[in-house]
Structures are given as structure tokens and as C-alpha cells.
Protein backbone atom coordinates (compact mmCIF):
# COMPACT_ATOMS: atom_id res chain seq x y z
CA MET A 1 10.98 0.48 -59.95
CA SER A 2 8.36 2.11 -57.75
CA LEU A 3 7.96 4.26 -54.68
CA ILE A 4 5.03 4.10 -52.35
CA VAL A 5 4.29 7.45 -50.71
CA LEU A 6 1.92 8.23 -47.80
CA GLY A 7 0.54 11.75 -47.60
CA ILE A 8 -0.96 13.07 -44.36
CA ASP A 9 -3.34 15.96 -43.82
CA PRO A 10 -3.35 16.26 -40.02
CA GLY A 11 -6.37 17.37 -38.01
CA LEU A 12 -7.50 16.86 -34.47
CA ARG A 13 -11.01 15.69 -35.43
CA VAL A 14 -10.18 14.28 -38.84
CA THR A 15 -6.77 13.25 -40.14
CA GLY A 16 -6.70 12.44 -43.83
CA TYR A 17 -4.30 10.03 -45.44
CA GLY A 18 -3.60 9.19 -49.04
CA VAL A 19 -1.28 6.58 -50.55
CA ILE A 20 0.09 6.69 -54.07
CA VAL A 21 2.73 4.75 -55.96
CA LYS A 22 5.16 6.47 -58.33
CA ARG A 23 6.28 4.34 -61.23
CA GLY A 24 8.62 6.11 -63.54
CA GLN A 25 7.00 9.52 -64.27
CA GLN A 26 3.49 8.32 -63.41
CA SER A 27 1.72 8.38 -60.07
CA HIS A 28 -1.15 6.01 -59.28
CA TYR A 29 -3.75 5.89 -56.53
CA LEU A 30 -3.45 3.08 -54.04
CA GLY A 31 -5.81 4.12 -51.25
CA SER A 32 -6.99 6.89 -49.01
CA GLY A 33 -9.30 7.57 -46.03
CA CYS A 34 -9.85 9.49 -42.85
CA ILE A 35 -9.10 8.83 -39.23
CA ARG A 36 -12.00 10.33 -37.30
CA THR A 37 -11.41 10.78 -33.58
CA GLN A 38 -14.34 9.65 -31.51
CA THR A 39 -13.85 11.61 -28.28
CA THR A 40 -13.31 15.20 -27.06
CA ASP A 41 -10.41 14.24 -24.74
CA LEU A 42 -7.14 15.53 -26.26
CA ALA A 43 -4.97 12.61 -25.18
CA SER A 44 -7.51 10.07 -26.54
CA ARG A 45 -7.73 11.91 -29.85
CA LEU A 46 -3.95 11.97 -30.23
CA TRP A 47 -3.78 8.27 -29.40
CA GLN A 48 -6.45 7.50 -32.03
CA ILE A 49 -4.52 9.50 -34.65
CA HIS A 50 -1.33 7.60 -33.74
CA GLN A 51 -3.05 4.24 -33.82
CA GLY A 52 -4.88 4.92 -37.08
CA LEU A 53 -1.72 6.01 -38.90
CA SER A 54 0.18 3.05 -37.51
CA GLU A 55 -2.41 0.75 -39.04
CA VAL A 56 -2.13 2.61 -42.36
CA MET A 57 1.65 2.25 -42.23
CA LEU A 58 1.33 -1.48 -41.67
CA GLU A 59 -1.22 -1.94 -44.42
CA PHE A 60 0.49 0.02 -47.17
CA ARG A 61 4.20 -0.15 -46.12
CA PRO A 62 5.10 3.28 -47.60
CA GLN A 63 8.73 4.03 -48.45
CA ALA A 64 8.28 7.78 -48.06
CA VAL A 65 5.93 9.88 -45.90
CA ALA A 66 4.92 13.55 -46.36
CA ILE A 67 2.83 15.84 -44.14
CA GLU A 68 1.44 19.31 -44.48
CA GLN A 69 3.06 21.92 -42.30
CA VAL A 70 1.02 23.99 -39.80
CA PHE A 71 -0.47 27.09 -41.29
CA MET A 72 -1.55 29.77 -38.85
CA ARG A 73 -4.14 32.28 -39.99
CA ASP A 74 -5.82 34.27 -37.28
CA ASN A 75 -6.33 31.73 -34.53
CA ALA A 76 -3.25 30.63 -32.48
CA SER A 77 -5.40 28.15 -30.53
CA SER A 78 -6.37 26.31 -33.76
CA ALA A 79 -2.73 26.21 -34.84
CA LEU A 80 -1.72 24.75 -31.50
CA LYS A 81 -4.40 22.03 -31.75
CA LEU A 82 -3.28 21.23 -35.27
CA GLY A 83 0.30 21.02 -33.95
CA HIS A 84 -0.79 18.37 -31.49
CA ALA A 85 -2.37 16.31 -34.31
CA ARG A 86 0.79 16.73 -36.38
CA GLY A 87 2.87 15.59 -33.42
CA ALA A 88 0.82 12.40 -33.07
CA ALA A 89 1.23 11.75 -36.80
CA VAL A 90 4.97 12.40 -36.75
CA VAL A 91 5.44 10.02 -33.81
CA ALA A 92 3.39 7.34 -35.58
CA VAL A 93 5.59 7.63 -38.64
CA ALA A 94 8.84 7.76 -36.62
CA SER A 95 7.78 4.66 -34.64
CA HIS A 96 7.81 2.79 -37.99
CA GLY A 97 11.34 3.99 -38.70
CA HIS A 98 10.51 6.61 -41.30
CA HIS A 99 11.67 10.15 -41.83
CA ILE A 100 8.81 12.58 -42.57
CA HIS A 101 8.91 15.27 -45.25
CA GLU A 102 7.05 18.54 -44.64
CA TYR A 103 5.44 20.79 -47.19
CA ALA A 104 3.82 24.15 -46.83
CA PRO A 105 0.11 24.27 -47.76
CA ARG A 106 0.74 26.90 -50.41
CA LEU A 107 3.39 24.74 -52.08
CA VAL A 108 1.03 21.73 -52.08
CA LYS A 109 -1.69 23.86 -53.79
CA GLN A 110 0.78 25.35 -56.25
CA THR A 111 2.12 21.93 -57.14
CA VAL A 112 -1.22 20.16 -57.64
CA VAL A 113 -3.46 22.96 -58.92
CA GLY A 114 -0.96 25.50 -60.21
CA TYR A 115 -2.26 28.23 -57.91
CA GLY A 116 -1.15 28.73 -54.28
CA ASN A 117 -4.52 30.08 -53.14
CA SER A 118 -6.67 27.33 -54.69
CA THR A 119 -9.78 26.12 -52.98
CA LYS A 120 -10.36 22.69 -51.45
CA ALA A 121 -12.79 21.88 -54.28
CA GLN A 122 -10.10 22.73 -56.85
CA ILE A 123 -7.55 20.53 -55.02
CA ALA A 124 -9.96 17.58 -54.87
CA HIS A 125 -10.81 17.99 -58.58
CA MET A 126 -7.16 18.03 -59.67
CA VAL A 127 -6.24 15.06 -57.36
CA LYS A 128 -9.06 12.99 -58.84
CA ARG A 129 -7.94 13.94 -62.35
CA LEU A 130 -4.18 13.43 -61.81
CA LEU A 131 -4.70 10.06 -60.16
CA GLU A 132 -7.70 8.94 -62.23
CA VAL A 133 -9.79 8.32 -59.14
CA GLU A 134 -13.44 7.45 -59.80
CA GLY A 135 -16.22 8.46 -57.39
CA THR A 136 -15.91 10.89 -54.50
CA LEU A 137 -13.04 11.49 -52.16
CA ALA A 138 -13.38 12.80 -48.61
CA GLN A 139 -11.89 16.29 -48.51
CA ASP A 140 -9.24 15.42 -45.96
CA ALA A 141 -8.22 12.35 -48.01
CA ALA A 142 -7.97 14.47 -51.14
CA ASP A 143 -5.76 16.96 -49.27
CA ALA A 144 -3.55 14.09 -48.08
CA LEU A 145 -3.24 12.75 -51.64
CA ALA A 146 -2.25 16.25 -52.75
CA VAL A 147 0.56 16.19 -50.14
CA ALA A 148 1.77 12.86 -51.51
CA LEU A 149 1.70 14.26 -55.05
CA CYS A 150 3.62 17.30 -53.93
CA HIS A 151 6.28 15.04 -52.42
CA VAL A 152 6.80 13.01 -55.62
CA SER A 153 7.05 16.28 -57.56
CA HIS A 154 9.65 17.82 -55.25
CA MET A 155 11.66 14.89 -53.86
CA ARG A 156 15.31 14.65 -54.48
CA MET A 157 16.52 11.31 -55.70
CA PRO A 158 19.77 9.99 -54.25
CA LEU A 159 22.60 10.10 -56.76
CA SER A 160 24.25 6.77 -56.03
CA SER A 161 21.60 4.80 -54.20
CA ASN A 162 18.66 2.71 -55.11
CA LEU A 163 17.05 3.50 -51.74
CA TYR A 164 13.76 4.91 -53.12
CA TYR A 165 13.06 2.33 -55.80
CA GLN A 166 12.41 -1.38 -55.58
């Protein structure tokens, strides 16, 4: 019985992804990486995000997908750009027939580190520790893995269905 979960940390320049498998009470690392857009044209960047995540979906065949919600600090323009990247990611996931689960950045940090205002370095450290990952992880990939870990910690299992486990 296992559940493969794809976590996404959306960004217009760099979109991180992380894939874990949950077996019983344990989560294990399957893979991660970054989709780096190679242009400044907005439409091209969104297409690259969509295509990159579509390839990830085909490679790992996740059964659940989670994404970080938009967090707006001081800059509405940055939040809007991030919203575009999230939109491309959501469409890529939906085109593969999946529902996407959304988590607030603060909840992701609280779940993985135990502190809602934790730093990116603290998140990366805990992700590596929880998933027993050797070597270095790209920051965006570590954030995406944190989103996947948040999902397995907070997901609701169906009462009368074996939908999430194979």
C-alpha cells in the first residue's frame, strides 16, 4: 500500500518539484528537481512550466499532487507573476486528470520544521533529514518536497475507498 505524491513550489523563473512515496507511516524520497524557464517572454515561460510538469507527471505517475498557495508580502506585482506560474502548474496537473491540493506557506513550514516562520535553510535541512536525502537539494526542490510532506501529513483518507493506496 503506497501513495506517490508530487509537491510543487511554483515560480516564474524556477518551479521546484519533489516526489515522495508514503508507505504506511513512512515517507521516502523518489525524486526532485527544478524547471528553469529559459526566456523572458511570459507566455513562453508559462508553456515551459506546463511542459516540464507534464513530463514530471508522466515520469512519476503521482496519485496526489500538492502546491503551495500564493503568499503576498509587499509586492502585488510579484504575487501576480507567481499566480501565473501557479496557473500553468495547475493546468498541467489538471490536464493529467488530477485534483490539486493547496497549502499555505506557513502551514508547510509549521508541518515540516515545527515553526511557521522558518527559513529556507531550515526547511531544506528538515526535508533532507525526514526523507534521508544525501547530498544537496536545490532550494526550490526542497520547498516542493516540503509541500509533498505537508500533504501526506494533512491529507484525509477516504473511509470506504482504497483510492489512495495501491
